[in-house]
Amino acid sequence: MDAAATYRRKAAQLREKAKGARDPVVHQELLSLAEQYETLAKRAESEAGGKT
């Protein structure tokens, strides 16, 4: 399982949901969660890069 790809897929899903959010607070929260998933993806990539 590629953790980074999984996190990026989740981030993309949240961004899509944010597009349809009518409430601006919900919209912003979904985008914030998407960014957190991107951070996790970057961390997973760096951890995978350090393993041989």
PDB file of N, CA and C in Angstrom:
ATOM      1  N   MET A   1       0.845  -1.192   0.000  1.00  0.00           N
ATOM      2  CA  MET A   1       0.000   0.000   0.000  1.00  0.00           C
ATOM      3  C   MET A   1       0.884   1.246   0.000  1.00  0.00           C
ATOM      4  N   ASP A   2       0.582   2.169  -0.873  1.00  0.00           N
ATOM      5  CA  ASP A   2       1.298   3.435  -0.944  1.00  0.00           C
ATOM      6  C   ASP A   2       0.547   4.465  -0.107  1.00  0.00           C
ATOM      7  N   ALA A   3       1.068   4.723   1.078  1.00  0.00           N
ATOM      8  CA  ALA A   3       0.379   5.622   2.005  1.00  0.00           C
ATOM      9  C   ALA A   3       0.238   7.028   1.435  1.00  0.00           C
ATOM     10  N   ALA A   4       1.275   7.526   0.774  1.00  0.00           N
ATOM     11  CA  ALA A   4       1.217   8.883   0.224  1.00  0.00           C
ATOM     12  C   ALA A   4       0.089   9.004  -0.803  1.00  0.00           C
ATOM     13  N   ALA A   5      -0.046   8.016  -1.658  1.00  0.00           N
ATOM     14  CA  ALA A   5      -1.107   8.043  -2.672  1.00  0.00           C
ATOM     15  C   ALA A   5      -2.483   7.984  -2.012  1.00  0.00           C
ATOM     16  N   THR A   6      -2.598   7.194  -0.971  1.00  0.00           N
ATOM     17  CA  THR A   6      -3.869   7.095  -0.250  1.00  0.00           C
ATOM     18  C   THR A   6      -4.240   8.445   0.361  1.00  0.00           C
ATOM     19  N   TYR A   7      -3.277   9.104   0.995  1.00  0.00           N
ATOM     20  CA  TYR A   7      -3.539  10.411   1.593  1.00  0.00           C
ATOM     21  C   TYR A   7      -3.896  11.447   0.532  1.00  0.00           C
ATOM     22  N   ARG A   8      -3.223  11.399  -0.594  1.00  0.00           N
ATOM     23  CA  ARG A   8      -3.518  12.362  -1.669  1.00  0.00           C
ATOM     24  C   ARG A   8      -4.904  12.120  -2.262  1.00  0.00           C
ATOM     25  N   ARG A   9      -5.292  10.855  -2.346  1.00  0.00           N
ATOM     26  CA  ARG A   9      -6.638  10.539  -2.847  1.00  0.00           C
ATOM     27  C   ARG A   9      -7.694  11.097  -1.885  1.00  0.00           C
ATOM     28  N   LYS A  10      -7.453  10.926  -0.593  1.00  0.00           N
ATOM     29  CA  LYS A  10      -8.386  11.471   0.401  1.00  0.00           C
ATOM     30  C   LYS A  10      -8.445  12.995   0.318  1.00  0.00           C
ATOM     31  N   ALA A  11      -7.294  13.632   0.124  1.00  0.00           N
ATOM     32  CA  ALA A  11      -7.263  15.091  -0.006  1.00  0.00           C
ATOM     33  C   ALA A  11      -8.078  15.546  -1.208  1.00  0.00           C
ATOM     34  N   ALA A  12      -7.930  14.844  -2.310  1.00  0.00           N
ATOM     35  CA  ALA A  12      -8.693  15.189  -3.517  1.00  0.00           C
ATOM     36  C   ALA A  12     -10.191  15.031  -3.279  1.00  0.00           C
ATOM     37  N   GLN A  13     -10.584  13.991  -2.575  1.00  0.00           N
ATOM     38  CA  GLN A  13     -11.998  13.770  -2.275  1.00  0.00           C
ATOM     39  C   GLN A  13     -12.549  14.914  -1.421  1.00  0.00           C
ATOM     40  N   LEU A  14     -11.760  15.344  -0.461  1.00  0.00           N
ATOM     41  CA  LEU A  14     -12.212  16.436   0.402  1.00  0.00           C
ATOM     42  C   LEU A  14     -12.318  17.739  -0.374  1.00  0.00           C
ATOM     43  N   ARG A  15     -11.395  17.979  -1.297  1.00  0.00           N
ATOM     44  CA  ARG A  15     -11.481  19.190  -2.116  1.00  0.00           C
ATOM     45  C   ARG A  15     -12.742  19.179  -2.978  1.00  0.00           C
ATOM     46  N   GLU A  16     -13.082  18.011  -3.504  1.00  0.00           N
ATOM     47  CA  GLU A  16     -14.308  17.892  -4.301  1.00  0.00           C
ATOM     48  C   GLU A  16     -15.534  18.175  -3.443  1.00  0.00           C
ATOM     49  N   LYS A  17     -15.551  17.647  -2.235  1.00  0.00           N
ATOM     50  CA  LYS A  17     -16.678  17.917  -1.331  1.00  0.00           C
ATOM     51  C   LYS A  17     -16.751  19.394  -0.985  1.00  0.00           C
ATOM     52  N   ALA A  18     -15.599  20.026  -0.829  1.00  0.00           N
ATOM     53  CA  ALA A  18     -15.568  21.447  -0.490  1.00  0.00           C
ATOM     54  C   ALA A  18     -16.199  22.281  -1.595  1.00  0.00           C
ATOM     55  N   LYS A  19     -16.023  21.862  -2.842  1.00  0.00           N
ATOM     56  CA  LYS A  19     -16.615  22.602  -3.963  1.00  0.00           C
ATOM     57  C   LYS A  19     -18.132  22.670  -3.844  1.00  0.00           C
ATOM     58  N   GLY A  20     -18.737  21.639  -3.301  1.00  0.00           N
ATOM     59  CA  GLY A  20     -20.188  21.601  -3.175  1.00  0.00           C
ATOM     60  C   GLY A  20     -20.726  22.105  -1.852  1.00  0.00           C
ATOM     61  N   ALA A  21     -19.839  22.476  -0.952  1.00  0.00           N
ATOM     62  CA  ALA A  21     -20.284  22.933   0.366  1.00  0.00           C
ATOM     63  C   ALA A  21     -20.897  24.325   0.262  1.00  0.00           C
ATOM     64  N   ARG A  22     -22.087  24.458   0.769  1.00  0.00           N
ATOM     65  CA  ARG A  22     -22.774  25.757   0.728  1.00  0.00           C
ATOM     66  C   ARG A  22     -22.367  26.638   1.902  1.00  0.00           C
ATOM     67  N   ASP A  23     -22.054  26.014   2.997  1.00  0.00           N
ATOM     68  CA  ASP A  23     -21.664  26.749   4.200  1.00  0.00           C
ATOM     69  C   ASP A  23     -20.175  27.101   4.090  1.00  0.00           C
ATOM     70  N   PRO A  24     -19.819  28.371   4.180  1.00  0.00           N
ATOM     71  CA  PRO A  24     -18.411  28.762   4.051  1.00  0.00           C
ATOM     72  C   PRO A  24     -17.509  28.169   5.138  1.00  0.00           C
ATOM     73  N   VAL A  25     -18.056  27.959   6.314  1.00  0.00           N
ATOM     74  CA  VAL A  25     -17.259  27.363   7.390  1.00  0.00           C
ATOM     75  C   VAL A  25     -16.943  25.907   7.053  1.00  0.00           C
ATOM     76  N   VAL A  26     -17.934  25.184   6.573  1.00  0.00           N
ATOM     77  CA  VAL A  26     -17.730  23.792   6.175  1.00  0.00           C
ATOM     78  C   VAL A  26     -16.746  23.731   5.016  1.00  0.00           C
ATOM     79  N   HIS A  27     -16.901  24.632   4.061  1.00  0.00           N
ATOM     80  CA  HIS A  27     -15.994  24.698   2.916  1.00  0.00           C
ATOM     81  C   HIS A  27     -14.546  24.840   3.390  1.00  0.00           C
ATOM     82  N   GLN A  28     -14.312  25.784   4.293  1.00  0.00           N
ATOM     83  CA  GLN A  28     -12.963  26.033   4.789  1.00  0.00           C
ATOM     84  C   GLN A  28     -12.436  24.848   5.596  1.00  0.00           C
ATOM     85  N   GLU A  29     -13.275  24.228   6.389  1.00  0.00           N
ATOM     86  CA  GLU A  29     -12.853  23.068   7.177  1.00  0.00           C
ATOM     87  C   GLU A  29     -12.450  21.904   6.275  1.00  0.00           C
ATOM     88  N   LEU A  30     -13.200  21.680   5.210  1.00  0.00           N
ATOM     89  CA  LEU A  30     -12.865  20.606   4.277  1.00  0.00           C
ATOM     90  C   LEU A  30     -11.530  20.879   3.596  1.00  0.00           C
ATOM     91  N   LEU A  31     -11.295  22.128   3.213  1.00  0.00           N
ATOM     92  CA  LEU A  31     -10.013  22.475   2.608  1.00  0.00           C
ATOM     93  C   LEU A  31      -8.861  22.322   3.602  1.00  0.00           C
ATOM     94  N   SER A  32      -9.129  22.659   4.837  1.00  0.00           N
ATOM     95  CA  SER A  32      -8.112  22.498   5.879  1.00  0.00           C
ATOM     96  C   SER A  32      -7.766  21.024   6.083  1.00  0.00           C
ATOM     97  N   LEU A  33      -8.781  20.190   6.097  1.00  0.00           N
ATOM     98  CA  LEU A  33      -8.538  18.746   6.219  1.00  0.00           C
ATOM     99  C   LEU A  33      -7.753  18.221   5.021  1.00  0.00           C
ATOM    100  N   ALA A  34      -8.069  18.716   3.845  1.00  0.00           N
ATOM    101  CA  ALA A  34      -7.341  18.304   2.641  1.00  0.00           C
ATOM    102  C   ALA A  34      -5.863  18.666   2.775  1.00  0.00           C
ATOM    103  N   GLU A  35      -5.568  19.837   3.288  1.00  0.00           N
ATOM    104  CA  GLU A  35      -4.175  20.244   3.486  1.00  0.00           C
ATOM    105  C   GLU A  35      -3.471  19.345   4.502  1.00  0.00           C
ATOM    106  N   GLN A  36      -4.194  18.942   5.522  1.00  0.00           N
ATOM    107  CA  GLN A  36      -3.608  18.042   6.516  1.00  0.00           C
ATOM    108  C   GLN A  36      -3.262  16.692   5.882  1.00  0.00           C
ATOM    109  N   TYR A  37      -4.130  16.218   4.984  1.00  0.00           N
ATOM    110  CA  TYR A  37      -3.834  14.975   4.275  1.00  0.00           C
ATOM    111  C   TYR A  37      -2.615  15.146   3.372  1.00  0.00           C
ATOM    112  N   GLU A  38      -2.458  16.303   2.764  1.00  0.00           N
ATOM    113  CA  GLU A  38      -1.278  16.561   1.936  1.00  0.00           C
ATOM    114  C   GLU A  38      -0.011  16.532   2.794  1.00  0.00           C
ATOM    115  N   THR A  39      -0.101  17.093   3.986  1.00  0.00           N
ATOM    116  CA  THR A  39       1.036  17.059   4.908  1.00  0.00           C
ATOM    117  C   THR A  39       1.383  15.623   5.270  1.00  0.00           C
ATOM    118  N   LEU A  40       0.378  14.812   5.521  1.00  0.00           N
ATOM    119  CA  LEU A  40       0.607  13.396   5.812  1.00  0.00           C
ATOM    120  C   LEU A  40       1.254  12.691   4.623  1.00  0.00           C
ATOM    121  N   ALA A  41       0.821  13.031   3.419  1.00  0.00           N
ATOM    122  CA  ALA A  41       1.384  12.421   2.216  1.00  0.00           C
ATOM    123  C   ALA A  41       2.867  12.757   2.091  1.00  0.00           C
ATOM    124  N   LYS A  42       3.212  14.006   2.329  1.00  0.00           N
ATOM    125  CA  LYS A  42       4.616  14.413   2.259  1.00  0.00           C
ATOM    126  C   LYS A  42       5.442  13.693   3.311  1.00  0.00           C
ATOM    127  N   ARG A  43       4.889  13.563   4.502  1.00  0.00           N
ATOM    128  CA  ARG A  43       5.600  12.865   5.579  1.00  0.00           C
ATOM    129  C   ARG A  43       5.798  11.393   5.224  1.00  0.00           C
ATOM    130  N   ALA A  44       4.768  10.772   4.672  1.00  0.00           N
ATOM    131  CA  ALA A  44       4.864   9.364   4.270  1.00  0.00           C
ATOM    132  C   ALA A  44       5.918   9.178   3.191  1.00  0.00           C
ATOM    133  N   GLU A  45       5.985  10.127   2.252  1.00  0.00           N
ATOM    134  CA  GLU A  45       7.003  10.050   1.205  1.00  0.00           C
ATOM    135  C   GLU A  45       8.402  10.166   1.775  1.00  0.00           C
ATOM    136  N   SER A  46       8.592  11.095   2.697  1.00  0.00           N
ATOM    137  CA  SER A  46       9.928  11.262   3.262  1.00  0.00           C
ATOM    138  C   SER A  46      10.328  10.079   4.114  1.00  0.00           C
ATOM    139  N   GLU A  47       9.375   9.493   4.820  1.00  0.00           N
ATOM    140  CA  GLU A  47       9.683   8.301   5.620  1.00  0.00           C
ATOM    141  C   GLU A  47       9.980   7.108   4.718  1.00  0.00           C
ATOM    142  N   ALA A  48       9.260   6.971   3.634  1.00  0.00           N
ATOM    143  CA  ALA A  48       9.503   5.865   2.692  1.00  0.00           C
ATOM    144  C   ALA A  48      10.843   6.053   2.007  1.00  0.00           C
ATOM    145  N   GLY A  49      11.230   7.283   1.751  1.00  0.00           N
ATOM    146  CA  GLY A  49      12.518   7.562   1.108  1.00  0.00           C
ATOM    147  C   GLY A  49      13.695   7.230   1.988  1.00  0.00           C
ATOM    148  N   GLY A  50      13.500   7.276   3.288  1.00  0.00           N
ATOM    149  CA  GLY A  50      14.579   7.004   4.219  1.00  0.00           C
ATOM    150  C   GLY A  50      14.798   5.518   4.471  1.00  0.00           C
ATOM    151  N   LYS A  51      13.855   4.692   4.011  1.00  0.00           N
ATOM    152  CA  LYS A  51      13.979   3.244   4.227  1.00  0.00           C
ATOM    153  C   LYS A  51      14.632   2.587   3.032  1.00  0.00           C
ATOM    154  N   THR A  52      15.495   1.643   3.304  1.00  0.00           N
ATOM    155  CA  THR A  52      16.160   0.911   2.209  1.00  0.00           C
ATOM    156  C   THR A  52      15.802  -0.540   2.240  1.00  0.00           C
TER     157      THR A  52
END
